[in-house]
Amino acid sequence: MDKIDRKILSLLQENARYPLKYLAQKVFLSSPAVSTRIERMEKAGIITGYHATIDPVALGYHITAFINLTLDPKQKNEFYPYVTDCPNVLECNCVTGTYSIMLKVAFPSTMELDTFIGHLQQFGNTQTQIVFSTAVPPRGVGIETDETDTAEEIKKA
């Protein structure tokens, strides 16, 4: 990956719907050249998909929570398909520490969250934190780009 690839990735994380023409202008290449670079990064598994960012509250999901779960490793074969099939589970991470699993979930109400936690407890002990506010919303990873690069420097890359 060179400076141009990193700049393209940064722009796509900012807005995956930017037209190729816009991306090409920003990196001083032709649209077909940018398209080829994007396709190469998709094939390499660097770009894994394109997603819309949706406000859960606008759709009635007023409760976001993090649930920590102790999970016996022997239960993973049963647990992973279970949480994969739960549409309210936004993320499921295997973590270090007292708890082995951390889930991020969204529910319309605390009653529905409580019911879900009850089901989770068949796999182990839980600890739940309900989110009051989010200071930093989900975002892409930081990609080092030097905003001071001139057109000539980017063209040389």
Protein backbone atom coordinates (compact mmCIF):
# COMPACT_ATOMS: atom_id res chain seq x y z
CA MET A 1 0.00 0.00 0.00
CA ASP A 2 1.26 3.43 -0.89
CA LYS A 3 0.17 6.98 -0.07
CA ILE A 4 -2.52 6.90 -2.73
CA ASP A 5 -4.07 3.68 -1.41
CA ARG A 6 -4.10 5.10 2.13
CA LYS A 7 -5.74 8.31 0.91
CA ILE A 8 -8.39 6.31 -0.98
CA LEU A 9 -9.10 4.22 2.13
CA SER A 10 -9.37 7.33 4.26
CA LEU A 11 -11.83 8.90 1.83
CA LEU A 12 -13.91 5.71 1.59
CA GLN A 13 -14.15 5.48 5.38
CA GLU A 14 -15.32 9.09 5.39
CA ASN A 15 -18.01 8.33 2.79
CA ALA A 16 -18.13 5.04 0.89
CA ARG A 17 -20.50 6.63 -1.64
CA TYR A 18 -18.02 9.15 -2.99
CA PRO A 19 -18.07 8.86 -6.78
CA LEU A 20 -14.94 7.48 -8.45
CA LYS A 21 -14.52 10.83 -10.20
CA TYR A 22 -14.33 12.62 -6.83
CA LEU A 23 -11.84 10.08 -5.43
CA ALA A 24 -9.75 10.37 -8.60
CA GLN A 25 -9.61 14.17 -8.25
CA LYS A 26 -8.48 13.87 -4.62
CA VAL A 27 -5.60 11.49 -5.46
CA PHE A 28 -4.74 12.96 -8.86
CA LEU A 29 -5.40 9.79 -10.84
CA SER A 30 -7.93 8.72 -13.45
CA SER A 31 -11.20 7.12 -12.40
CA PRO A 32 -10.20 3.74 -13.95
CA ALA A 33 -6.89 3.81 -12.02
CA VAL A 34 -8.74 4.46 -8.73
CA SER A 35 -11.24 1.71 -9.56
CA THR A 36 -8.37 -0.73 -10.15
CA ARG A 37 -6.78 0.19 -6.82
CA ILE A 38 -10.07 -0.26 -4.97
CA GLU A 39 -10.66 -3.63 -6.63
CA ARG A 40 -7.12 -4.73 -5.67
CA MET A 41 -7.72 -3.72 -2.03
CA GLU A 42 -11.06 -5.60 -2.03
CA LYS A 43 -9.39 -8.76 -3.39
CA ALA A 44 -6.61 -8.43 -0.77
CA GLY A 45 -9.21 -8.29 2.00
CA ILE A 46 -8.27 -4.75 3.05
CA ILE A 47 -11.71 -3.45 2.06
CA THR A 48 -14.22 -5.95 3.41
CA GLY A 49 -17.50 -4.20 2.63
CA TYR A 50 -19.48 -0.99 2.37
CA HIS A 51 -22.10 -0.05 4.94
CA ALA A 52 -24.64 2.61 5.71
CA THR A 53 -24.46 4.22 9.15
CA ILE A 54 -27.92 4.17 10.72
CA ASP A 55 -29.22 5.93 13.83
CA PRO A 56 -30.70 3.12 15.97
CA VAL A 57 -32.82 5.55 18.00
CA ALA A 58 -34.52 6.76 14.82
CA LEU A 59 -35.60 3.14 14.26
CA GLY A 60 -36.89 2.71 17.82
CA TYR A 61 -33.83 1.08 19.38
CA HIS A 62 -33.54 3.36 22.42
CA ILE A 63 -31.34 1.05 24.53
CA THR A 64 -27.72 0.32 23.64
CA ALA A 65 -25.79 -1.84 26.08
CA PHE A 66 -22.55 -3.72 26.54
CA ILE A 67 -22.92 -7.17 28.04
CA ASN A 68 -19.95 -9.06 29.45
CA LEU A 69 -20.34 -12.83 29.59
CA THR A 70 -18.26 -15.63 31.10
CA LEU A 71 -18.32 -18.42 28.56
CA ASP A 72 -16.90 -21.88 28.99
CA PRO A 73 -14.84 -22.57 25.84
CA LYS A 74 -16.76 -25.84 25.43
CA GLN A 75 -19.92 -23.79 24.78
CA LYS A 76 -18.51 -21.78 21.86
CA ASN A 77 -19.95 -24.15 19.24
CA GLU A 78 -23.44 -23.56 20.65
CA PHE A 79 -23.02 -19.90 21.63
CA TYR A 80 -21.61 -18.38 18.42
CA PRO A 81 -24.49 -19.56 16.18
CA TYR A 82 -26.95 -18.37 18.84
CA VAL A 83 -25.61 -14.78 18.94
CA THR A 84 -25.04 -14.71 15.19
CA ASP A 85 -28.78 -15.31 14.74
CA CYS A 86 -29.75 -12.51 17.20
CA PRO A 87 -30.37 -9.36 15.13
CA ASN A 88 -30.05 -7.18 18.24
CA VAL A 89 -26.40 -8.18 18.67
CA LEU A 90 -24.35 -5.49 16.95
CA GLU A 91 -20.96 -6.94 17.92
CA CYS A 92 -19.63 -10.02 19.65
CA ASN A 93 -16.00 -9.91 20.76
CA CYS A 94 -13.87 -12.53 22.49
CA VAL A 95 -11.88 -10.56 25.11
CA THR A 96 -9.36 -10.98 27.92
CA GLY A 97 -10.12 -10.48 31.58
CA THR A 98 -12.75 -11.74 33.98
CA TYR A 99 -15.30 -12.09 31.20
CA SER A 100 -14.50 -13.86 27.95
CA ILE A 101 -17.17 -12.33 25.70
CA MET A 102 -18.27 -8.71 25.23
CA LEU A 103 -21.45 -8.03 23.29
CA LYS A 104 -22.77 -4.71 22.03
CA VAL A 105 -26.55 -4.85 21.66
CA ALA A 106 -29.45 -2.55 20.80
CA PHE A 107 -33.05 -3.02 21.97
CA PRO A 108 -36.24 -0.95 21.89
CA SER A 109 -36.74 -1.31 25.66
CA THR A 110 -35.10 -2.44 28.88
CA MET A 111 -37.71 -5.21 29.14
CA GLU A 112 -36.51 -6.74 25.87
CA LEU A 113 -32.89 -6.32 26.97
CA ASP A 114 -33.73 -8.07 30.24
CA THR A 115 -35.31 -11.00 28.37
CA PHE A 116 -32.22 -11.31 26.16
CA ILE A 117 -29.90 -11.26 29.18
CA GLY A 118 -32.01 -14.02 30.73
CA HIS A 119 -31.38 -16.16 27.63
CA LEU A 120 -27.67 -15.34 27.68
CA GLN A 121 -27.35 -16.54 31.26
CA GLN A 122 -27.76 -20.12 30.08
CA PHE A 123 -24.18 -19.71 28.82
CA GLY A 124 -22.69 -18.08 31.93
CA ASN A 125 -22.67 -15.07 34.24
CA THR A 126 -23.31 -11.64 32.78
CA GLN A 127 -22.58 -8.04 33.65
CA THR A 128 -24.39 -5.28 31.74
CA GLN A 129 -23.69 -1.60 31.18
CA ILE A 130 -26.38 0.52 29.52
CA VAL A 131 -25.08 3.37 27.36
CA PHE A 132 -26.28 6.87 28.30
CA SER A 133 -24.46 8.69 25.50
CA THR A 134 -21.72 8.14 22.95
CA ALA A 135 -18.96 10.74 22.78
CA VAL A 136 -17.19 9.06 19.86
CA PRO A 137 -19.47 7.17 17.48
CA PRO A 138 -18.27 4.09 15.56
CA ARG A 139 -15.72 5.09 12.96
CA GLY A 140 -13.05 3.60 10.76
CA VAL A 141 -9.47 3.00 11.79
CA GLY A 142 -6.99 5.86 11.59
CA ILE A 143 -5.05 5.76 8.35
CA GLU A 144 -1.96 7.87 8.21
CA THR A 145 -2.23 10.31 5.35
CA ASP A 146 -0.22 13.43 5.10
CA GLU A 147 -2.71 16.15 4.24
CA THR A 148 0.19 18.40 3.28
CA ASP A 149 1.24 16.16 0.38
CA THR A 150 1.29 18.11 -2.83
CA ALA A 151 -0.17 16.84 -6.07
CA GLU A 152 3.36 16.06 -7.29
CA GLU A 153 4.18 13.99 -4.19
CA ILE A 154 0.98 11.97 -4.54
CA LYS A 155 1.59 11.47 -8.26
CA LYS A 156 5.09 10.13 -7.49
CA ALA A 157 3.74 7.56 -5.02
